[in-house]
Amino acid sequence: SAIGGPTLGADPIVGALGVISHIKGVALKTFIVRKAAKKHG
């Protein structure tokens, strides 16, 4: 139900998976795991 991984290696793969899964009608969440939590936002 969800695919993601560590930044930076997973970042472009996750983006492509989001687009292709949408085109194919696959319900899929994507995510990126940062090395550390952001200090803002």
PDB file of all heavy atoms in Angstrom:
ATOM      1  N   SER A   1       0.813  -1.221   0.000  1.00  0.00           N
ATOM      2  CA  SER A   1       0.000   0.000   0.000  1.00  0.00           C
ATOM      3  C   SER A   1       0.844   1.267   0.000  1.00  0.00           C
ATOM      4  O   SER A   1       0.337   2.347  -0.291  1.00  0.00           O
ATOM      5  CB  SER A   1      -0.944   0.009   1.204  1.00  0.00           C
ATOM      6  OG  SER A   1      -0.220  -0.135   2.409  1.00  0.00           O
ATOM      7  N   ALA A   2       2.151   1.143   0.310  1.00  0.00           N
ATOM      8  CA  ALA A   2       3.029   2.317   0.333  1.00  0.00           C
ATOM      9  C   ALA A   2       4.447   1.900  -0.032  1.00  0.00           C
ATOM     10  O   ALA A   2       4.921   0.855   0.413  1.00  0.00           O
ATOM     11  CB  ALA A   2       3.015   2.973   1.704  1.00  0.00           C
ATOM     12  N   ILE A   3       5.082   2.734  -0.853  1.00  0.00           N
ATOM     13  CA  ILE A   3       6.471   2.475  -1.249  1.00  0.00           C
ATOM     14  C   ILE A   3       7.270   3.751  -1.039  1.00  0.00           C
ATOM     15  O   ILE A   3       6.861   4.833  -1.439  1.00  0.00           O
ATOM     16  CB  ILE A   3       6.573   2.050  -2.729  1.00  0.00           C
ATOM     17  CG1 ILE A   3       5.820   0.737  -2.983  1.00  0.00           C
ATOM     18  CG2 ILE A   3       8.043   1.884  -3.131  1.00  0.00           C
ATOM     19  CD1 ILE A   3       5.867   0.257  -4.425  1.00  0.00           C
ATOM     20  N   GLY A   4       8.421   3.586  -0.419  1.00  0.00           N
ATOM     21  CA  GLY A   4       9.298   4.724  -0.203  1.00  0.00           C
ATOM     22  C   GLY A   4      10.644   4.261   0.286  1.00  0.00           C
ATOM     23  O   GLY A   4      10.897   3.060   0.398  1.00  0.00           O
ATOM     24  N   GLY A   5      11.497   5.219   0.574  1.00  0.00           N
ATOM     25  CA  GLY A   5      12.809   4.834   1.047  1.00  0.00           C
ATOM     26  C   GLY A   5      13.644   6.031   1.423  1.00  0.00           C
ATOM     27  O   GLY A   5      13.164   7.166   1.455  1.00  0.00           O
ATOM     28  N   PRO A   6      14.910   5.752   1.704  1.00  0.00           N
ATOM     29  CA  PRO A   6      15.813   6.798   2.175  1.00  0.00           C
ATOM     30  C   PRO A   6      16.173   7.784   1.073  1.00  0.00           C
ATOM     31  O   PRO A   6      16.420   7.397  -0.070  1.00  0.00           O
ATOM     32  CB  PRO A   6      17.046   6.022   2.641  1.00  0.00           C
ATOM     33  CG  PRO A   6      17.010   4.740   1.868  1.00  0.00           C
ATOM     34  CD  PRO A   6      15.567   4.438   1.640  1.00  0.00           C
ATOM     35  N   THR A   7      16.174   9.057   1.448  1.00  0.00           N
ATOM     36  CA  THR A   7      16.651  10.066   0.522  1.00  0.00           C
ATOM     37  C   THR A   7      18.155   9.873   0.374  1.00  0.00           C
ATOM     38  O   THR A   7      18.807   9.470   1.324  1.00  0.00           O
ATOM     39  CB  THR A   7      16.284  11.481   1.043  1.00  0.00           C
ATOM     40  OG1 THR A   7      16.392  12.406  -0.001  1.00  0.00           O
ATOM     41  CG2 THR A   7      17.094  11.921   2.205  1.00  0.00           C
ATOM     42  N   LEU A   8      18.721   9.927  -0.640  1.00  0.00           N
ATOM     43  CA  LEU A   8      18.471  10.479  -1.941  1.00  0.00           C
ATOM     44  C   LEU A   8      18.233   9.372  -2.974  1.00  0.00           C
ATOM     45  O   LEU A   8      17.627   9.626  -4.009  1.00  0.00           O
ATOM     46  CB  LEU A   8      19.669  11.358  -2.330  1.00  0.00           C
ATOM     47  CG  LEU A   8      19.607  12.079  -3.642  1.00  0.00           C
ATOM     48  CD1 LEU A   8      18.619  13.219  -3.641  1.00  0.00           C
ATOM     49  CD2 LEU A   8      20.971  12.589  -3.989  1.00  0.00           C
ATOM     50  N   GLY A   9      18.677   8.169  -2.666  1.00  0.00           N
ATOM     51  CA  GLY A   9      18.552   7.082  -3.634  1.00  0.00           C
ATOM     52  C   GLY A   9      17.126   6.779  -4.041  1.00  0.00           C
ATOM     53  O   GLY A   9      16.847   6.490  -5.202  1.00  0.00           O
ATOM     54  N   ALA A  10      16.199   6.853  -3.095  1.00  0.00           N
ATOM     55  CA  ALA A  10      14.812   6.505  -3.384  1.00  0.00           C
ATOM     56  C   ALA A  10      14.025   7.641  -4.042  1.00  0.00           C
ATOM     57  O   ALA A  10      13.011   7.387  -4.684  1.00  0.00           O
ATOM     58  CB  ALA A  10      14.102   6.068  -2.100  1.00  0.00           C
ATOM     59  N   ASP A  11      14.482   8.880  -3.903  1.00  0.00           N
ATOM     60  CA  ASP A  11      13.684  10.030  -4.339  1.00  0.00           C
ATOM     61  C   ASP A  11      13.174   9.929  -5.779  1.00  0.00           C
ATOM     62  O   ASP A  11      11.966  10.019  -6.013  1.00  0.00           O
ATOM     63  CB  ASP A  11      14.460  11.333  -4.157  1.00  0.00           C
ATOM     64  CG  ASP A  11      14.744  11.667  -2.701  1.00  0.00           C
ATOM     65  OD1 ASP A  11      14.482  10.832  -1.814  1.00  0.00           O
ATOM     66  OD2 ASP A  11      15.244  12.777  -2.443  1.00  0.00           O
ATOM     67  N   PRO A  12      14.043   9.756  -6.779  1.00  0.00           N
ATOM     68  CA  PRO A  12      13.518   9.706  -8.140  1.00  0.00           C
ATOM     69  C   PRO A  12      12.684   8.460  -8.413  1.00  0.00           C
ATOM     70  O   PRO A  12      11.729   8.510  -9.205  1.00  0.00           O
ATOM     71  CB  PRO A  12      14.764   9.746  -9.019  1.00  0.00           C
ATOM     72  CG  PRO A  12      15.899   9.376  -8.140  1.00  0.00           C
ATOM     73  CD  PRO A  12      15.503   9.715  -6.747  1.00  0.00           C
ATOM     74  N   ILE A  13      12.995   7.367  -7.749  1.00  0.00           N
ATOM     75  CA  ILE A  13      12.225   6.130  -7.945  1.00  0.00           C
ATOM     76  C   ILE A  13      10.806   6.334  -7.422  1.00  0.00           C
ATOM     77  O   ILE A  13       9.826   5.949  -8.063  1.00  0.00           O
ATOM     78  CB  ILE A  13      12.902   4.939  -7.229  1.00  0.00           C
ATOM     79  CG1 ILE A  13      14.328   4.736  -7.737  1.00  0.00           C
ATOM     80  CG2 ILE A  13      12.074   3.667  -7.415  1.00  0.00           C
ATOM     81  CD1 ILE A  13      15.162   3.771  -6.910  1.00  0.00           C
ATOM     82  N   VAL A  14      10.691   6.953  -6.254  1.00  0.00           N
ATOM     83  CA  VAL A  14       9.388   7.219  -5.649  1.00  0.00           C
ATOM     84  C   VAL A  14       8.550   8.126  -6.550  1.00  0.00           C
ATOM     85  O   VAL A  14       7.362   7.883  -6.759  1.00  0.00           O
ATOM     86  CB  VAL A  14       9.579   7.848  -4.238  1.00  0.00           C
ATOM     87  CG1 VAL A  14       8.300   8.444  -3.722  1.00  0.00           C
ATOM     88  CG2 VAL A  14      10.114   6.801  -3.279  1.00  0.00           C
ATOM     89  N   GLY A  15       9.166   9.163  -7.100  1.00  0.00           N
ATOM     90  CA  GLY A  15       8.433  10.047  -8.003  1.00  0.00           C
ATOM     91  C   GLY A  15       7.897   9.306  -9.211  1.00  0.00           C
ATOM     92  O   GLY A  15       6.727   9.461  -9.590  1.00  0.00           O
ATOM     93  N   ALA A  16       8.737   8.478  -9.817  1.00  0.00           N
ATOM     94  CA  ALA A  16       8.306   7.708 -10.988  1.00  0.00           C
ATOM     95  C   ALA A  16       7.216   6.704 -10.618  1.00  0.00           C
ATOM     96  O   ALA A  16       6.241   6.533 -11.356  1.00  0.00           O
ATOM     97  CB  ALA A  16       9.505   6.987 -11.603  1.00  0.00           C
ATOM     98  N   LEU A  17       7.357   6.060  -9.465  1.00  0.00           N
ATOM     99  CA  LEU A  17       6.341   5.102  -9.020  1.00  0.00           C
ATOM    100  C   LEU A  17       4.996   5.785  -8.806  1.00  0.00           C
ATOM    101  O   LEU A  17       3.947   5.213  -9.137  1.00  0.00           O
ATOM    102  CB  LEU A  17       6.775   4.403  -7.730  1.00  0.00           C
ATOM    103  CG  LEU A  17       7.732   3.248  -7.907  1.00  0.00           C
ATOM    104  CD1 LEU A  17       8.424   2.918  -6.595  1.00  0.00           C
ATOM    105  CD2 LEU A  17       7.009   2.037  -8.465  1.00  0.00           C
ATOM    106  N   GLY A  18       5.015   6.988  -8.246  1.00  0.00           N
ATOM    107  CA  GLY A  18       3.770   7.721  -8.040  1.00  0.00           C
ATOM    108  C   GLY A  18       3.045   7.968  -9.345  1.00  0.00           C
ATOM    109  O   GLY A  18       1.835   7.740  -9.455  1.00  0.00           O
ATOM    110  N   VAL A  19       3.783   8.409 -10.351  1.00  0.00           N
ATOM    111  CA  VAL A  19       3.173   8.710 -11.655  1.00  0.00           C
ATOM    112  C   VAL A  19       2.677   7.437 -12.339  1.00  0.00           C
ATOM    113  O   VAL A  19       1.522   7.354 -12.774  1.00  0.00           O
ATOM    114  CB  VAL A  19       4.178   9.460 -12.574  1.00  0.00           C
ATOM    115  CG1 VAL A  19       3.638   9.579 -13.988  1.00  0.00           C
ATOM    116  CG2 VAL A  19       4.501  10.827 -11.999  1.00  0.00           C
ATOM    117  N   ILE A  20       3.530   6.425 -12.432  1.00  0.00           N
ATOM    118  CA  ILE A  20       3.158   5.195 -13.138  1.00  0.00           C
ATOM    119  C   ILE A  20       2.021   4.472 -12.418  1.00  0.00           C
ATOM    120  O   ILE A  20       1.105   3.959 -13.055  1.00  0.00           O
ATOM    121  CB  ILE A  20       4.377   4.260 -13.321  1.00  0.00           C
ATOM    122  CG1 ILE A  20       5.444   4.935 -14.188  1.00  0.00           C
ATOM    123  CG2 ILE A  20       3.966   2.914 -13.907  1.00  0.00           C
ATOM    124  CD1 ILE A  20       5.051   5.241 -15.616  1.00  0.00           C
ATOM    125  N   SER A  21       2.040   4.452 -11.088  1.00  0.00           N
ATOM    126  CA  SER A  21       0.951   3.790 -10.360  1.00  0.00           C
ATOM    127  C   SER A  21      -0.369   4.520 -10.596  1.00  0.00           C
ATOM    128  O   SER A  21      -1.420   3.885 -10.743  1.00  0.00           O
ATOM    129  CB  SER A  21       1.260   3.678  -8.868  1.00  0.00           C
ATOM    130  OG  SER A  21       1.308   4.948  -8.248  1.00  0.00           O
ATOM    131  N   HIS A  22      -0.338   5.843 -10.672  1.00  0.00           N
ATOM    132  CA  HIS A  22      -1.554   6.613 -10.957  1.00  0.00           C
ATOM    133  C   HIS A  22      -2.079   6.289 -12.359  1.00  0.00           C
ATOM    134  O   HIS A  22      -3.271   6.047 -12.543  1.00  0.00           O
ATOM    135  CB  HIS A  22      -1.286   8.109 -10.825  1.00  0.00           C
ATOM    136  CG  HIS A  22      -2.471   8.944 -11.180  1.00  0.00           C
ATOM    137  ND1 HIS A  22      -3.571   9.064 -10.363  1.00  0.00           N
ATOM    138  CD2 HIS A  22      -2.741   9.674 -12.299  1.00  0.00           C
ATOM    139  CE1 HIS A  22      -4.469   9.847 -10.956  1.00  0.00           C
ATOM    140  NE2 HIS A  22      -3.975  10.227 -12.131  1.00  0.00           N
ATOM    141  N   ILE A  23      -1.189   6.282 -13.338  1.00  0.00           N
ATOM    142  CA  ILE A  23      -1.589   5.962 -14.713  1.00  0.00           C
ATOM    143  C   ILE A  23      -2.213   4.573 -14.788  1.00  0.00           C
ATOM    144  O   ILE A  23      -3.199   4.363 -15.493  1.00  0.00           O
ATOM    145  CB  ILE A  23      -0.382   6.077 -15.671  1.00  0.00           C
ATOM    146  CG1 ILE A  23       0.023   7.552 -15.831  1.00  0.00           C
ATOM    147  CG2 ILE A  23      -0.682   5.437 -17.026  1.00  0.00           C
ATOM    148  CD1 ILE A  23       1.357   7.764 -16.526  1.00  0.00           C
ATOM    149  N   LYS A  24      -1.659   3.626 -14.032  1.00  0.00           N
ATOM    150  CA  LYS A  24      -2.145   2.237 -14.062  1.00  0.00           C
ATOM    151  C   LYS A  24      -3.331   2.009 -13.124  1.00  0.00           C
ATOM    152  O   LYS A  24      -3.851   0.904 -13.051  1.00  0.00           O
ATOM    153  CB  LYS A  24      -1.010   1.269 -13.721  1.00  0.00           C
ATOM    154  CG  LYS A  24       0.061   1.238 -14.792  1.00  0.00           C
ATOM    155  CD  LYS A  24       1.139   0.234 -14.446  1.00  0.00           C
ATOM    156  CE  LYS A  24       2.153   0.171 -15.546  1.00  0.00           C
ATOM    157  NZ  LYS A  24       2.021  -0.986 -16.386  1.00  0.00           N
ATOM    158  N   GLY A  25      -3.742   3.040 -12.399  1.00  0.00           N
ATOM    159  CA  GLY A  25      -4.880   2.901 -11.497  1.00  0.00           C
ATOM    160  C   GLY A  25      -4.592   2.088 -10.254  1.00  0.00           C
ATOM    161  O   GLY A  25      -5.487   1.479  -9.673  1.00  0.00           O
ATOM    162  N   VAL A  26      -3.338   2.084  -9.825  1.00  0.00           N
ATOM    163  CA  VAL A  26      -2.927   1.356  -8.622  1.00  0.00           C
ATOM    164  C   VAL A  26      -2.929   2.325  -7.447  1.00  0.00           C
ATOM    165  O   VAL A  26      -2.269   3.360  -7.492  1.00  0.00           O
ATOM    166  CB  VAL A  26      -1.516   0.750  -8.804  1.00  0.00           C
ATOM    167  CG1 VAL A  26      -1.059   0.061  -7.527  1.00  0.00           C
ATOM    168  CG2 VAL A  26      -1.477  -0.198  -9.991  1.00  0.00           C
ATOM    169  N   ALA A  27      -3.679   1.994  -6.404  1.00  0.00           N
ATOM    170  CA  ALA A  27      -3.716   2.841  -5.208  1.00  0.00           C
ATOM    171  C   ALA A  27      -2.421   2.632  -4.429  1.00  0.00           C
ATOM    172  O   ALA A  27      -2.200   1.575  -3.847  1.00  0.00           O
ATOM    173  CB  ALA A  27      -4.918   2.487  -4.348  1.00  0.00           C
ATOM    174  N   LEU A  28      -1.560   3.630  -4.459  1.00  0.00           N
ATOM    175  CA  LEU A  28      -0.256   3.489  -3.849  1.00  0.00           C
ATOM    176  C   LEU A  28       0.181   4.817  -3.247  1.00  0.00           C
ATOM    177  O   LEU A  28       0.165   5.844  -3.919  1.00  0.00           O
ATOM    178  CB  LEU A  28       0.754   3.064  -4.925  1.00  0.00           C
ATOM    179  CG  LEU A  28       2.182   2.799  -4.493  1.00  0.00           C
ATOM    180  CD1 LEU A  28       2.260   1.587  -3.574  1.00  0.00           C
ATOM    181  CD2 LEU A  28       3.047   2.572  -5.729  1.00  0.00           C
ATOM    182  N   LYS A  29       0.554   4.789  -1.977  1.00  0.00           N
ATOM    183  CA  LYS A  29       1.137   5.967  -1.347  1.00  0.00           C
ATOM    184  C   LYS A  29       2.650   5.886  -1.525  1.00  0.00           C
ATOM    185  O   LYS A  29       3.223   4.795  -1.524  1.00  0.00           O
ATOM    186  CB  LYS A  29       0.821   6.006   0.151  1.00  0.00           C
ATOM    187  CG  LYS A  29      -0.626   6.274   0.473  1.00  0.00           C
ATOM    188  CD  LYS A  29      -0.783   6.534   1.957  1.00  0.00           C
ATOM    189  CE  LYS A  29      -1.378   5.327   2.619  1.00  0.00           C
ATOM    190  NZ  LYS A  29      -1.647   5.530   4.043  1.00  0.00           N
ATOM    191  N   THR A  30       3.285   7.028  -1.684  1.00  0.00           N
ATOM    192  CA  THR A  30       4.742   7.064  -1.760  1.00  0.00           C
ATOM    193  C   THR A  30       5.269   8.001  -0.684  1.00  0.00           C
ATOM    194  O   THR A  30       4.566   8.906  -0.236  1.00  0.00           O
ATOM    195  CB  THR A  30       5.222   7.525  -3.156  1.00  0.00           C
ATOM    196  OG1 THR A  30       4.669   8.803  -3.439  1.00  0.00           O
ATOM    197  CG2 THR A  30       4.820   6.524  -4.224  1.00  0.00           C
ATOM    198  N   PHE A  31       6.506   7.764  -0.265  1.00  0.00           N
ATOM    199  CA  PHE A  31       7.095   8.559   0.803  1.00  0.00           C
ATOM    200  C   PHE A  31       8.607   8.559   0.699  1.00  0.00           C
ATOM    201  O   PHE A  31       9.196   7.715   0.035  1.00  0.00           O
ATOM    202  CB  PHE A  31       6.655   8.044   2.180  1.00  0.00           C
ATOM    203  CG  PHE A  31       7.134   6.645   2.471  1.00  0.00           C
ATOM    204  CD1 PHE A  31       8.327   6.419   3.154  1.00  0.00           C
ATOM    205  CD2 PHE A  31       6.385   5.541   2.077  1.00  0.00           C
ATOM    206  CE1 PHE A  31       8.770   5.136   3.418  1.00  0.00           C
ATOM    207  CE2 PHE A  31       6.820   4.248   2.340  1.00  0.00           C
ATOM    208  CZ  PHE A  31       8.018   4.050   3.015  1.00  0.00           C
ATOM    209  N   ILE A  32       9.205   9.518   1.358  1.00  0.00           N
ATOM    210  CA  ILE A  32      10.666   9.647   1.452  1.00  0.00           C
ATOM    211  C   ILE A  32      11.020   9.727   2.936  1.00  0.00           C
ATOM    212  O   ILE A  32      10.349  10.414   3.706  1.00  0.00           O
ATOM    213  CB  ILE A  32      11.154  10.936   0.757  1.00  0.00           C
ATOM    214  CG1 ILE A  32      10.851  10.896  -0.738  1.00  0.00           C
ATOM    215  CG2 ILE A  32      12.632  11.185   1.007  1.00  0.00           C
ATOM    216  CD1 ILE A  32      11.617   9.855  -1.510  1.00  0.00           C
ATOM    217  N   VAL A  33      12.096   9.061   3.323  1.00  0.00           N
ATOM    218  CA  VAL A  33      12.577   9.124   4.699  1.00  0.00           C
ATOM    219  C   VAL A  33      13.848   9.973   4.718  1.00  0.00           C
ATOM    220  O   VAL A  33      14.849   9.614   4.100  1.00  0.00           O
ATOM    221  CB  VAL A  33      12.864   7.722   5.272  1.00  0.00           C
ATOM    222  CG1 VAL A  33      13.357   7.823   6.716  1.00  0.00           C
ATOM    223  CG2 VAL A  33      11.633   6.832   5.178  1.00  0.00           C
ATOM    224  N   ARG A  34      13.757  11.106   5.421  1.00  0.00           N
ATOM    225  CA  ARG A  34      14.921  11.988   5.571  1.00  0.00           C
ATOM    226  C   ARG A  34      15.895  11.377   6.577  1.00  0.00           C
ATOM    227  O   ARG A  34      15.498  10.603   7.449  1.00  0.00           O
ATOM    228  CB  ARG A  34      14.478  13.348   6.113  1.00  0.00           C
ATOM    229  CG  ARG A  34      13.627  14.152   5.182  1.00  0.00           C
ATOM    230  CD  ARG A  34      13.181  15.438   5.926  1.00  0.00           C
ATOM    231  NE  ARG A  34      12.433  16.300   5.057  1.00  0.00           N
ATOM    232  CZ  ARG A  34      12.985  17.212   4.256  1.00  0.00           C
ATOM    233  NH1 ARG A  34      14.286  17.357   4.239  1.00  0.00           N
ATOM    234  NH2 ARG A  34      12.234  17.969   3.486  1.00  0.00           N
ATOM    235  N   LYS A  35      17.161  11.814   6.499  1.00  0.00           N
ATOM    236  CA  LYS A  35      18.159  11.365   7.475  1.00  0.00           C
ATOM    237  C   LYS A  35      17.833  11.888   8.870  1.00  0.00           C
ATOM    238  O   LYS A  35      18.094  11.231   9.862  1.00  0.00           O
ATOM    239  CB  LYS A  35      19.551  11.811   7.050  1.00  0.00           C
ATOM    240  CG  LYS A  35      20.021  11.133   5.767  1.00  0.00           C
ATOM    241  CD  LYS A  35      21.444  11.506   5.423  1.00  0.00           C
ATOM    242  CE  LYS A  35      21.877  10.989   4.079  1.00  0.00           C
ATOM    243  NZ  LYS A  35      21.692   9.587   3.834  1.00  0.00           N
ATOM    244  N   ALA A  36      17.230  13.064   8.926  1.00  0.00           N
ATOM    245  CA  ALA A  36      16.814  13.668  10.200  1.00  0.00           C
ATOM    246  C   ALA A  36      15.570  14.506   9.943  1.00  0.00           C
ATOM    247  O   ALA A  36      15.343  14.960   8.822  1.00  0.00           O
ATOM    248  CB  ALA A  36      17.927  14.540  10.767  1.00  0.00           C
ATOM    249  N   ALA A  37      14.788  14.707  10.985  1.00  0.00           N
ATOM    250  CA  ALA A  37      13.576  15.524  10.850  1.00  0.00           C
ATOM    251  C   ALA A  37      13.948  16.955  10.501  1.00  0.00           C
ATOM    252  O   ALA A  37      14.982  17.467  10.941  1.00  0.00           O
ATOM    253  CB  ALA A  37      12.777  15.495  12.157  1.00  0.00           C
ATOM    254  N   LYS A  38      13.102  17.593   9.696  1.00  0.00           N
ATOM    255  CA  LYS A  38      13.320  19.004   9.361  1.00  0.00           C
ATOM    256  C   LYS A  38      13.238  19.834  10.634  1.00  0.00           C
ATOM    257  O   LYS A  38      12.494  19.509  11.555  1.00  0.00           O
ATOM    258  CB  LYS A  38      12.248  19.488   8.383  1.00  0.00           C
ATOM    259  CG  LYS A  38      12.428  18.984   6.988  1.00  0.00           C
ATOM    260  CD  LYS A  38      11.460  19.506   5.954  1.00  0.00           C
ATOM    261  CE  LYS A  38      10.351  20.382   6.370  1.00  0.00           C
ATOM    262  NZ  LYS A  38       9.475  20.807   5.285  1.00  0.00           N
ATOM    263  N   LYS A  39      13.958  20.923  10.664  1.00  0.00           N
ATOM    264  CA  LYS A  39      13.961  21.815  11.825  1.00  0.00           C
ATOM    265  C   LYS A  39      12.902  22.906  11.694  1.00  0.00           C
ATOM    266  O   LYS A  39      12.745  23.724  12.576  1.00  0.00           O
ATOM    267  CB  LYS A  39      15.338  22.469  11.991  1.00  0.00           C
ATOM    268  CG  LYS A  39      16.467  21.485  12.148  1.00  0.00           C
ATOM    269  CD  LYS A  39      16.432  20.831  13.493  1.00  0.00           C
ATOM    270  CE  LYS A  39      17.651  19.936  13.652  1.00  0.00           C
ATOM    271  NZ  LYS A  39      17.422  18.793  14.475  1.00  0.00           N
ATOM    272  N   HIS A  40      12.176  22.929  10.584  1.00  0.00           N
ATOM    273  CA  HIS A  40      11.170  23.956  10.342  1.00  0.00           C
ATOM    274  C   HIS A  40       9.909  23.306   9.754  1.00  0.00           C
ATOM    275  O   HIS A  40       9.873  22.105   9.535  1.00  0.00           O
ATOM    276  CB  HIS A  40      11.728  25.023   9.387  1.00  0.00           C
ATOM    277  CG  HIS A  40      12.153  24.465   8.067  1.00  0.00           C
ATOM    278  ND1 HIS A  40      13.343  23.793   7.906  1.00  0.00           N
ATOM    279  CD2 HIS A  40      11.536  24.452   6.871  1.00  0.00           C
ATOM    280  CE1 HIS A  40      13.442  23.395   6.654  1.00  0.00           C
ATOM    281  NE2 HIS A  40      12.367  23.771   6.001  1.00  0.00           N
ATOM    282  N   GLY A  41       8.905  24.115   9.515  1.00  0.00           N
ATOM    283  CA  GLY A  41       7.666  23.613   8.913  1.00  0.00           C
ATOM    284  C   GLY A  41       7.022  22.542   9.788  1.00  0.00           C
ATOM    285  O   GLY A  41       6.894  22.702  11.003  1.00  0.00           O
TER     286      GLY A  41
END
